[in-house]
């Protein structure tokens, strides 16, 4: 059985559900049940028997535009591991693009970032190119950027705090930099941080990185290592928005794309296209009165 949960426009919910049910049954599957969750009334749950996941996903995506969505082939339980990307997922900016603005290079560097996130460029070479362009930028620009430009995504702290209150281990893993990720993780409450390190000498960026690169393979490895530590049956959740998040999203029990690039969205089990990060709590059936709101 496949279980689909979604949050959509309530005014069109009935008509869209009827259309989706007809299409699923025309494709040879059966809608065994459909209704709003008792403990989370904004969420529609649909149970499908005998259906192919790609088919069900495609039909529901077409019938419920701009929805928040999760599809699972198992009972949906609160995850015990949450691994998330940072830039444009937990925070509303791409840190390297904002830092580049202090060097007068934002447009040039942002164009490279966008192509890398779309999966058009090799991540490591694109990262090294962008960092190289920041050579001689004063270290003080990092602090100024953090203070003026870096803000959590709506619902980020509530999502992390609520999952942690239910025994979930939380990891922030980013192709960005510890200079940003460490304070962001402290603000949002993540248990662990994995990221890249900018090399700094004499108060300036050198244009180089220290140590290995956190790329898509490292993100996946972090998820797998944490699952191995917690136990192979651990229910995991991964969120991200770009191409370098795809292996991590695909390896998780539940991979959710957050306002994502097309390739990342296609690789995920679900997506947030409508609400903020607290929609993830709704999709996992965690009632609003049980959220931890600081």
C-alpha atoms as a PDB file:
ATOM      1  CA  UNK A   1       0.000   0.000   0.000  1.00  0.00           C
ATOM      2  CA  UNK A   2       1.118   3.542  -0.759  1.00  0.00           C
ATOM      3  CA  UNK A   3       0.244   6.365   1.614  1.00  0.00           C
ATOM      4  CA  UNK A   4       0.070   9.896   0.261  1.00  0.00           C
ATOM      5  CA  UNK A   5      -0.369  12.944   2.460  1.00  0.00           C
ATOM      6  CA  UNK A   6      -0.864  16.439   1.111  1.00  0.00           C
ATOM      7  CA  UNK A   7      -1.808  19.969   2.058  1.00  0.00           C
ATOM      8  CA  UNK A   8      -3.603  21.834  -0.700  1.00  0.00           C
ATOM      9  CA  UNK A   9      -6.120  24.555  -1.399  1.00  0.00           C
ATOM     10  CA  UNK A  10      -9.198  23.572   0.657  1.00  0.00           C
ATOM     11  CA  UNK A  11     -11.553  25.212  -1.822  1.00  0.00           C
ATOM     12  CA  UNK A  12     -10.561  22.820  -4.612  1.00  0.00           C
ATOM     13  CA  UNK A  13      -9.731  19.800  -2.479  1.00  0.00           C
ATOM     14  CA  UNK A  14     -12.914  17.831  -3.175  1.00  0.00           C
ATOM     15  CA  UNK A  15     -12.894  18.293  -6.936  1.00  0.00           C
ATOM     16  CA  UNK A  16      -9.187  17.543  -7.200  1.00  0.00           C
ATOM     17  CA  UNK A  17      -9.522  14.420  -5.067  1.00  0.00           C
ATOM     18  CA  UNK A  18     -12.348  13.131  -7.263  1.00  0.00           C
ATOM     19  CA  UNK A  19     -10.284  13.715 -10.393  1.00  0.00           C
ATOM     20  CA  UNK A  20      -7.205  12.074  -8.871  1.00  0.00           C
ATOM     21  CA  UNK A  21      -9.203   9.058  -7.678  1.00  0.00           C
ATOM     22  CA  UNK A  22     -10.647   8.518 -11.137  1.00  0.00           C
ATOM     23  CA  UNK A  23      -7.241   8.717 -12.791  1.00  0.00           C
ATOM     24  CA  UNK A  24      -5.603   6.368 -10.285  1.00  0.00           C
ATOM     25  CA  UNK A  25      -8.345   3.791 -10.764  1.00  0.00           C
ATOM     26  CA  UNK A  26      -8.179   4.175 -14.548  1.00  0.00           C
ATOM     27  CA  UNK A  27      -4.491   3.282 -14.235  1.00  0.00           C
ATOM     28  CA  UNK A  28      -5.426  -0.018 -12.555  1.00  0.00           C
ATOM     29  CA  UNK A  29      -4.899   0.826  -8.894  1.00  0.00           C
ATOM     30  CA  UNK A  30      -7.447   1.239  -6.095  1.00  0.00           C
ATOM     31  CA  UNK A  31      -7.981   4.178  -3.750  1.00  0.00           C
ATOM     32  CA  UNK A  32      -8.674   2.232  -0.567  1.00  0.00           C
ATOM     33  CA  UNK A  33      -9.308   5.273   1.576  1.00  0.00           C
ATOM     34  CA  UNK A  34      -9.153   9.050   1.612  1.00  0.00           C
ATOM     35  CA  UNK A  35      -9.832  11.535   4.368  1.00  0.00           C
ATOM     36  CA  UNK A  36      -8.459  14.294   6.535  1.00  0.00           C
ATOM     37  CA  UNK A  37      -6.233  13.266   9.423  1.00  0.00           C
ATOM     38  CA  UNK A  38      -8.086  13.440  12.738  1.00  0.00           C
ATOM     39  CA  UNK A  39      -5.089  14.887  14.581  1.00  0.00           C
ATOM     40  CA  UNK A  40      -3.961  17.184  11.768  1.00  0.00           C
ATOM     41  CA  UNK A  41      -7.043  18.443   9.971  1.00  0.00           C
ATOM     42  CA  UNK A  42      -5.202  20.329   7.224  1.00  0.00           C
ATOM     43  CA  UNK A  43      -3.725  17.093   5.855  1.00  0.00           C
ATOM     44  CA  UNK A  44      -5.471  14.836   3.356  1.00  0.00           C
ATOM     45  CA  UNK A  45      -4.348  11.204   3.488  1.00  0.00           C
ATOM     46  CA  UNK A  46      -4.916   8.905   0.518  1.00  0.00           C
ATOM     47  CA  UNK A  47      -4.289   5.154   0.602  1.00  0.00           C
ATOM     48  CA  UNK A  48      -3.602   3.450  -2.716  1.00  0.00           C
ATOM     49  CA  UNK A  49      -3.450  -0.312  -3.251  1.00  0.00           C
ATOM     50  CA  UNK A  50      -1.745  -1.896  -6.244  1.00  0.00           C
ATOM     51  CA  UNK A  51      -0.339   1.318  -7.616  1.00  0.00           C
ATOM     52  CA  UNK A  52       3.077   2.225  -8.923  1.00  0.00           C
ATOM     53  CA  UNK A  53       4.674   5.003  -6.890  1.00  0.00           C
ATOM     54  CA  UNK A  54       5.715   7.014  -9.937  1.00  0.00           C
ATOM     55  CA  UNK A  55       2.205   6.815 -11.354  1.00  0.00           C
ATOM     56  CA  UNK A  56       0.530   7.863  -8.111  1.00  0.00           C
ATOM     57  CA  UNK A  57       3.012  10.665  -7.595  1.00  0.00           C
ATOM     58  CA  UNK A  58       2.522  11.976 -11.118  1.00  0.00           C
ATOM     59  CA  UNK A  59      -1.263  11.987 -10.889  1.00  0.00           C
ATOM     60  CA  UNK A  60      -1.371  13.670  -7.485  1.00  0.00           C
ATOM     61  CA  UNK A  61       1.206  16.243  -8.545  1.00  0.00           C
ATOM     62  CA  UNK A  62      -0.905  17.142 -11.576  1.00  0.00           C
ATOM     63  CA  UNK A  63      -4.222  17.168  -9.728  1.00  0.00           C
ATOM     64  CA  UNK A  64      -3.032  19.149  -6.690  1.00  0.00           C
ATOM     65  CA  UNK A  65      -0.856  22.010  -7.969  1.00  0.00           C
ATOM     66  CA  UNK A  66       1.183  24.008  -5.457  1.00  0.00           C
ATOM     67  CA  UNK A  67       0.670  21.573  -2.616  1.00  0.00           C
ATOM     68  CA  UNK A  68       2.827  20.183   0.177  1.00  0.00           C
ATOM     69  CA  UNK A  69       3.188  16.440  -0.309  1.00  0.00           C
ATOM     70  CA  UNK A  70       4.663  13.198   0.999  1.00  0.00           C
ATOM     71  CA  UNK A  71       4.397   9.714  -0.512  1.00  0.00           C
ATOM     72  CA  UNK A  72       5.437   6.610   1.417  1.00  0.00           C
ATOM     73  CA  UNK A  73       5.312   2.852   0.981  1.00  0.00           C
ATOM     74  CA  UNK A  74       5.263   2.361   4.742  1.00  0.00           C
ATOM     75  CA  UNK A  75       3.435   3.691   7.778  1.00  0.00           C
ATOM     76  CA  UNK A  76       4.516   7.300   8.261  1.00  0.00           C
ATOM     77  CA  UNK A  77       6.262   7.705  11.616  1.00  0.00           C
ATOM     78  CA  UNK A  78       8.106  10.600  13.214  1.00  0.00           C
ATOM     79  CA  UNK A  79      11.746  10.402  12.053  1.00  0.00           C
ATOM     80  CA  UNK A  80      14.508   9.613  14.526  1.00  0.00           C
ATOM     81  CA  UNK A  81      17.115  11.241  12.284  1.00  0.00           C
ATOM     82  CA  UNK A  82      16.811  14.559  10.485  1.00  0.00           C
ATOM     83  CA  UNK A  83      19.567  15.654   8.095  1.00  0.00           C
ATOM     84  CA  UNK A  84      19.127  18.956   6.296  1.00  0.00           C
ATOM     85  CA  UNK A  85      20.850  21.210   3.818  1.00  0.00           C
ATOM     86  CA  UNK A  86      21.305  24.806   4.983  1.00  0.00           C
ATOM     87  CA  UNK A  87      21.296  27.419   2.193  1.00  0.00           C
ATOM     88  CA  UNK A  88      17.814  28.042   0.745  1.00  0.00           C
ATOM     89  CA  UNK A  89      16.470  25.267   2.975  1.00  0.00           C
ATOM     90  CA  UNK A  90      17.052  26.168   6.633  1.00  0.00           C
ATOM     91  CA  UNK A  91      18.015  29.751   5.814  1.00  0.00           C
ATOM     92  CA  UNK A  92      16.616  32.044   3.156  1.00  0.00           C
ATOM     93  CA  UNK A  93      19.891  32.882   1.413  1.00  0.00           C
ATOM     94  CA  UNK A  94      22.836  31.344  -0.399  1.00  0.00           C
ATOM     95  CA  UNK A  95      25.643  32.413   1.931  1.00  0.00           C
ATOM     96  CA  UNK A  96      28.381  32.560  -0.680  1.00  0.00           C
ATOM     97  CA  UNK A  97      26.241  34.773  -2.908  1.00  0.00           C
ATOM     98  CA  UNK A  98      25.558  37.199  -0.069  1.00  0.00           C
ATOM     99  CA  UNK A  99      29.210  37.197   0.979  1.00  0.00           C
ATOM    100  CA  UNK A 100      30.166  37.896  -2.641  1.00  0.00           C
ATOM    101  CA  UNK A 101      28.040  41.035  -2.535  1.00  0.00           C
ATOM    102  CA  UNK A 102      30.546  42.547  -0.106  1.00  0.00           C
ATOM    103  CA  UNK A 103      33.218  41.993  -2.763  1.00  0.00           C
ATOM    104  CA  UNK A 104      31.053  43.460  -5.532  1.00  0.00           C
ATOM    105  CA  UNK A 105      30.794  40.052  -7.216  1.00  0.00           C
ATOM    106  CA  UNK A 106      27.314  38.864  -6.324  1.00  0.00           C
ATOM    107  CA  UNK A 107      25.897  38.593  -9.845  1.00  0.00           C
ATOM    108  CA  UNK A 108      28.930  36.715 -11.137  1.00  0.00           C
ATOM    109  CA  UNK A 109      29.090  34.268  -8.240  1.00  0.00           C
ATOM    110  CA  UNK A 110      25.304  33.825  -7.972  1.00  0.00           C
ATOM    111  CA  UNK A 111      25.184  32.735 -11.614  1.00  0.00           C
ATOM    112  CA  UNK A 112      27.700  29.977 -10.866  1.00  0.00           C
ATOM    113  CA  UNK A 113      25.758  28.984  -7.732  1.00  0.00           C
ATOM    114  CA  UNK A 114      22.516  28.678  -9.659  1.00  0.00           C
ATOM    115  CA  UNK A 115      24.070  26.446 -12.313  1.00  0.00           C
ATOM    116  CA  UNK A 116      25.636  24.241  -9.637  1.00  0.00           C
ATOM    117  CA  UNK A 117      22.327  23.892  -7.784  1.00  0.00           C
ATOM    118  CA  UNK A 118      20.586  22.996 -11.035  1.00  0.00           C
ATOM    119  CA  UNK A 119      23.127  20.202 -11.528  1.00  0.00           C
ATOM    120  CA  UNK A 120      24.723  21.834 -14.571  1.00  0.00           C
ATOM    121  CA  UNK A 121      28.214  22.176 -13.055  1.00  0.00           C
ATOM    122  CA  UNK A 122      30.490  19.939 -11.012  1.00  0.00           C
ATOM    123  CA  UNK A 123      29.924  21.040  -7.425  1.00  0.00           C
ATOM    124  CA  UNK A 124      33.533  20.933  -6.201  1.00  0.00           C
ATOM    125  CA  UNK A 125      35.024  22.844  -9.114  1.00  0.00           C
ATOM    126  CA  UNK A 126      32.213  25.403  -8.957  1.00  0.00           C
ATOM    127  CA  UNK A 127      32.762  25.879  -5.231  1.00  0.00           C
ATOM    128  CA  UNK A 128      36.515  26.311  -5.574  1.00  0.00           C
ATOM    129  CA  UNK A 129      36.001  28.806  -8.391  1.00  0.00           C
ATOM    130  CA  UNK A 130      33.614  30.899  -6.329  1.00  0.00           C
ATOM    131  CA  UNK A 131      35.790  30.808  -3.210  1.00  0.00           C
ATOM    132  CA  UNK A 132      38.794  31.802  -5.314  1.00  0.00           C
ATOM    133  CA  UNK A 133      36.969  34.923  -6.440  1.00  0.00           C
ATOM    134  CA  UNK A 134      36.625  35.983  -2.783  1.00  0.00           C
ATOM    135  CA  UNK A 135      40.392  36.200  -2.218  1.00  0.00           C
ATOM    136  CA  UNK A 136      41.410  39.176  -0.036  1.00  0.00           C
ATOM    137  CA  UNK A 137      37.868  39.807   1.227  1.00  0.00           C
ATOM    138  CA  UNK A 138      38.168  40.893   4.893  1.00  0.00           C
ATOM    139  CA  UNK A 139      37.146  38.277   7.454  1.00  0.00           C
ATOM    140  CA  UNK A 140      34.924  40.930   9.048  1.00  0.00           C
ATOM    141  CA  UNK A 141      32.612  40.648   6.036  1.00  0.00           C
ATOM    142  CA  UNK A 142      31.514  37.224   7.311  1.00  0.00           C
ATOM    143  CA  UNK A 143      30.274  38.684  10.592  1.00  0.00           C
ATOM    144  CA  UNK A 144      28.587  41.570   8.813  1.00  0.00           C
ATOM    145  CA  UNK A 145      26.938  39.169   6.361  1.00  0.00           C
ATOM    146  CA  UNK A 146      25.670  36.978   9.190  1.00  0.00           C
ATOM    147  CA  UNK A 147      24.231  39.968  11.023  1.00  0.00           C
ATOM    148  CA  UNK A 148      22.635  41.660   8.029  1.00  0.00           C
ATOM    149  CA  UNK A 149      21.756  38.961   5.493  1.00  0.00           C
ATOM    150  CA  UNK A 150      21.291  35.523   7.071  1.00  0.00           C
ATOM    151  CA  UNK A 151      17.842  34.700   8.406  1.00  0.00           C
ATOM    152  CA  UNK A 152      16.169  31.356   9.228  1.00  0.00           C
ATOM    153  CA  UNK A 153      13.463  30.093   6.937  1.00  0.00           C
ATOM    154  CA  UNK A 154       9.980  30.476   8.458  1.00  0.00           C
ATOM    155  CA  UNK A 155       9.285  27.499  10.695  1.00  0.00           C
ATOM    156  CA  UNK A 156      12.886  26.273  10.794  1.00  0.00           C
ATOM    157  CA  UNK A 157      13.414  26.486  14.545  1.00  0.00           C
ATOM    158  CA  UNK A 158       9.967  25.059  15.299  1.00  0.00           C
ATOM    159  CA  UNK A 159      10.652  22.117  12.986  1.00  0.00           C
ATOM    160  CA  UNK A 160      14.014  21.309  14.570  1.00  0.00           C
ATOM    161  CA  UNK A 161      12.851  21.854  18.156  1.00  0.00           C
ATOM    162  CA  UNK A 162       9.725  19.748  17.710  1.00  0.00           C
ATOM    163  CA  UNK A 163      11.579  16.850  16.105  1.00  0.00           C
ATOM    164  CA  UNK A 164      14.202  16.949  18.865  1.00  0.00           C
ATOM    165  CA  UNK A 165      11.487  16.900  21.521  1.00  0.00           C
ATOM    166  CA  UNK A 166      10.425  13.561  20.047  1.00  0.00           C
ATOM    167  CA  UNK A 167      13.869  12.019  20.253  1.00  0.00           C
ATOM    168  CA  UNK A 168      15.120  12.941  16.776  1.00  0.00           C
ATOM    169  CA  UNK A 169      18.852  13.507  16.195  1.00  0.00           C
ATOM    170  CA  UNK A 170      19.393  16.540  13.968  1.00  0.00           C
ATOM    171  CA  UNK A 171      22.279  17.249  11.589  1.00  0.00           C
ATOM    172  CA  UNK A 172      22.928  20.337   9.464  1.00  0.00           C
ATOM    173  CA  UNK A 173      25.079  19.366   6.467  1.00  0.00           C
ATOM    174  CA  UNK A 174      26.045  22.011   3.968  1.00  0.00           C
ATOM    175  CA  UNK A 175      28.191  22.625   0.940  1.00  0.00           C
ATOM    176  CA  UNK A 176      28.590  26.068   2.467  1.00  0.00           C
ATOM    177  CA  UNK A 177      30.876  27.103   5.270  1.00  0.00           C
ATOM    178  CA  UNK A 178      31.260  26.507   9.003  1.00  0.00           C
ATOM    179  CA  UNK A 179      31.631  30.272   9.427  1.00  0.00           C
ATOM    180  CA  UNK A 180      27.904  30.493   8.685  1.00  0.00           C
ATOM    181  CA  UNK A 181      26.683  26.999   9.541  1.00  0.00           C
ATOM    182  CA  UNK A 182      27.941  26.928  13.134  1.00  0.00           C
ATOM    183  CA  UNK A 183      25.995  30.027  14.266  1.00  0.00           C
ATOM    184  CA  UNK A 184      22.950  28.984  12.221  1.00  0.00           C
ATOM    185  CA  UNK A 185      22.996  25.515  13.802  1.00  0.00           C
ATOM    186  CA  UNK A 186      23.280  27.031  17.276  1.00  0.00           C
ATOM    187  CA  UNK A 187      20.355  29.349  16.573  1.00  0.00           C
ATOM    188  CA  UNK A 188      18.121  26.584  15.211  1.00  0.00           C
ATOM    189  CA  UNK A 189      19.190  23.856  17.647  1.00  0.00           C
ATOM    190  CA  UNK A 190      20.927  21.302  15.415  1.00  0.00           C
ATOM    191  CA  UNK A 191      22.962  18.644  17.214  1.00  0.00           C
ATOM    192  CA  UNK A 192      25.741  18.348  14.643  1.00  0.00           C
ATOM    193  CA  UNK A 193      27.184  20.452  11.824  1.00  0.00           C
ATOM    194  CA  UNK A 194      29.093  19.299   8.723  1.00  0.00           C
ATOM    195  CA  UNK A 195      30.428  21.870   6.269  1.00  0.00           C
ATOM    196  CA  UNK A 196      33.395  23.378   4.455  1.00  0.00           C
ATOM    197  CA  UNK A 197      36.014  25.665   5.988  1.00  0.00           C
ATOM    198  CA  UNK A 198      37.241  28.888   4.451  1.00  0.00           C
ATOM    199  CA  UNK A 199      40.969  29.507   4.776  1.00  0.00           C
ATOM    200  CA  UNK A 200      41.701  32.817   6.481  1.00  0.00           C
ATOM    201  CA  UNK A 201      45.085  34.444   6.973  1.00  0.00           C
ATOM    202  CA  UNK A 202      45.966  37.888   8.313  1.00  0.00           C
ATOM    203  CA  UNK A 203      42.292  38.743   8.649  1.00  0.00           C
ATOM    204  CA  UNK A 204      41.450  38.023   5.005  1.00  0.00           C
ATOM    205  CA  UNK A 205      40.087  35.157   2.932  1.00  0.00           C
ATOM    206  CA  UNK A 206      42.860  33.485   0.966  1.00  0.00           C
ATOM    207  CA  UNK A 207      40.601  32.207  -1.783  1.00  0.00           C
ATOM    208  CA  UNK A 208      41.144  28.604  -0.667  1.00  0.00           C
ATOM    209  CA  UNK A 209      39.438  26.003   1.495  1.00  0.00           C
ATOM    210  CA  UNK A 210      40.807  23.994   4.402  1.00  0.00           C
ATOM    211  CA  UNK A 211      40.314  20.217   4.277  1.00  0.00           C
ATOM    212  CA  UNK A 212      38.009  18.128   2.142  1.00  0.00           C
ATOM    213  CA  UNK A 213      34.923  19.286   0.274  1.00  0.00           C
ATOM    214  CA  UNK A 214      31.397  18.591   1.498  1.00  0.00           C
ATOM    215  CA  UNK A 215      29.669  17.617  -1.726  1.00  0.00           C
ATOM    216  CA  UNK A 216      26.706  15.408  -2.589  1.00  0.00           C
ATOM    217  CA  UNK A 217      28.569  12.188  -1.764  1.00  0.00           C
ATOM    218  CA  UNK A 218      29.588  13.490   1.658  1.00  0.00           C
ATOM    219  CA  UNK A 219      26.018  14.549   2.412  1.00  0.00           C
ATOM    220  CA  UNK A 220      24.825  11.028   1.631  1.00  0.00           C
ATOM    221  CA  UNK A 221      27.656   9.512   3.671  1.00  0.00           C
ATOM    222  CA  UNK A 222      26.753  11.638   6.696  1.00  0.00           C
ATOM    223  CA  UNK A 223      23.169  10.392   6.520  1.00  0.00           C
ATOM    224  CA  UNK A 224      24.282   6.769   6.170  1.00  0.00           C
ATOM    225  CA  UNK A 225      26.802   7.057   9.015  1.00  0.00           C
ATOM    226  CA  UNK A 226      24.182   8.486  11.342  1.00  0.00           C
ATOM    227  CA  UNK A 227      21.701   5.779  10.359  1.00  0.00           C
ATOM    228  CA  UNK A 228      24.364   3.161  11.029  1.00  0.00           C
ATOM    229  CA  UNK A 229      25.024   4.641  14.463  1.00  0.00           C
ATOM    230  CA  UNK A 230      21.342   4.879  15.369  1.00  0.00           C
ATOM    231  CA  UNK A 231      20.436   1.520  13.825  1.00  0.00           C
ATOM    232  CA  UNK A 232      19.538   0.373  10.300  1.00  0.00           C
ATOM    233  CA  UNK A 233      15.804   0.497  11.045  1.00  0.00           C
ATOM    234  CA  UNK A 234      15.991   4.191  11.956  1.00  0.00           C
ATOM    235  CA  UNK A 235      13.383   6.302  10.188  1.00  0.00           C
ATOM    236  CA  UNK A 236      15.251   9.184   8.573  1.00  0.00           C
ATOM    237  CA  UNK A 237      14.204  12.472   7.008  1.00  0.00           C
ATOM    238  CA  UNK A 238      16.348  14.545   4.654  1.00  0.00           C
ATOM    239  CA  UNK A 239      15.525  17.971   3.244  1.00  0.00           C
ATOM    240  CA  UNK A 240      17.231  20.055   0.593  1.00  0.00           C
ATOM    241  CA  UNK A 241      16.683  22.114  -2.521  1.00  0.00           C
ATOM    242  CA  UNK A 242      19.533  21.569  -4.973  1.00  0.00           C
ATOM    243  CA  UNK A 243      21.204  18.935  -7.114  1.00  0.00           C
ATOM    244  CA  UNK A 244      23.917  18.294  -4.528  1.00  0.00           C
ATOM    245  CA  UNK A 245      21.187  17.208  -2.089  1.00  0.00           C
ATOM    246  CA  UNK A 246      19.822  14.472  -4.359  1.00  0.00           C
ATOM    247  CA  UNK A 247      21.850  11.468  -3.089  1.00  0.00           C
ATOM    248  CA  UNK A 248      21.050  12.385   0.526  1.00  0.00           C
ATOM    249  CA  UNK A 249      17.355  12.870  -0.248  1.00  0.00           C
ATOM    250  CA  UNK A 250      17.190   9.577  -2.138  1.00  0.00           C
ATOM    251  CA  UNK A 251      18.978   7.642   0.635  1.00  0.00           C
ATOM    252  CA  UNK A 252      16.659   8.809   3.420  1.00  0.00           C
ATOM    253  CA  UNK A 253      13.504   6.977   4.438  1.00  0.00           C
ATOM    254  CA  UNK A 254      11.663  10.173   3.559  1.00  0.00           C
ATOM    255  CA  UNK A 255      13.279  12.783   1.322  1.00  0.00           C
ATOM    256  CA  UNK A 256      11.504  16.125   1.074  1.00  0.00           C
ATOM    257  CA  UNK A 257      12.439  18.866  -1.396  1.00  0.00           C
ATOM    258  CA  UNK A 258      11.895  22.407  -0.120  1.00  0.00           C
ATOM    259  CA  UNK A 259      10.948  24.903  -2.872  1.00  0.00           C
ATOM    260  CA  UNK A 260      13.508  22.948  -4.829  1.00  0.00           C
ATOM    261  CA  UNK A 261      15.203  22.896  -8.198  1.00  0.00           C
ATOM    262  CA  UNK A 262      13.428  20.517 -10.617  1.00  0.00           C
ATOM    263  CA  UNK A 263      15.994  17.699 -10.380  1.00  0.00           C
ATOM    264  CA  UNK A 264      15.918  17.680  -6.584  1.00  0.00           C
ATOM    265  CA  UNK A 265      12.129  17.773  -6.513  1.00  0.00           C
ATOM    266  CA  UNK A 266      11.931  14.855  -8.941  1.00  0.00           C
ATOM    267  CA  UNK A 267      14.258  12.759  -6.767  1.00  0.00           C
ATOM    268  CA  UNK A 268      12.309  13.345  -3.549  1.00  0.00           C
ATOM    269  CA  UNK A 269       9.469  11.427  -1.895  1.00  0.00           C
ATOM    270  CA  UNK A 270       7.705  14.692  -1.270  1.00  0.00           C
ATOM    271  CA  UNK A 271       7.981  18.444  -1.469  1.00  0.00           C
ATOM    272  CA  UNK A 272       7.036  21.707   0.147  1.00  0.00           C
ATOM    273  CA  UNK A 273       5.713  24.045  -2.551  1.00  0.00           C
ATOM    274  CA  UNK A 274       2.997  25.836  -0.570  1.00  0.00           C
ATOM    275  CA  UNK A 275       3.724  26.378   3.119  1.00  0.00           C
ATOM    276  CA  UNK A 276       6.746  26.886   5.328  1.00  0.00           C
ATOM    277  CA  UNK A 277       8.932  24.300   7.078  1.00  0.00           C
ATOM    278  CA  UNK A 278       6.240  23.516   9.658  1.00  0.00           C
ATOM    279  CA  UNK A 279       4.328  21.831   6.819  1.00  0.00           C
ATOM    280  CA  UNK A 280       6.724  18.936   7.367  1.00  0.00           C
ATOM    281  CA  UNK A 281       5.348  18.552  10.893  1.00  0.00           C
ATOM    282  CA  UNK A 282       1.812  18.483   9.484  1.00  0.00           C
ATOM    283  CA  UNK A 283       2.765  15.828   6.929  1.00  0.00           C
ATOM    284  CA  UNK A 284       4.164  13.636   9.697  1.00  0.00           C
ATOM    285  CA  UNK A 285       0.919  14.006  11.616  1.00  0.00           C
ATOM    286  CA  UNK A 286       2.287  16.085  14.483  1.00  0.00           C
ATOM    287  CA  UNK A 287      -0.566  18.240  15.752  1.00  0.00           C
ATOM    288  CA  UNK A 288       0.064  21.957  16.168  1.00  0.00           C
ATOM    289  CA  UNK A 289      -0.527  21.798  19.927  1.00  0.00           C
ATOM    290  CA  UNK A 290       2.446  19.438  20.148  1.00  0.00           C
ATOM    291  CA  UNK A 291       4.867  21.754  18.371  1.00  0.00           C
ATOM    292  CA  UNK A 292       7.747  23.297  20.334  1.00  0.00           C
ATOM    293  CA  UNK A 293       7.606  27.003  19.582  1.00  0.00           C
ATOM    294  CA  UNK A 294      10.376  29.096  21.142  1.00  0.00           C
END
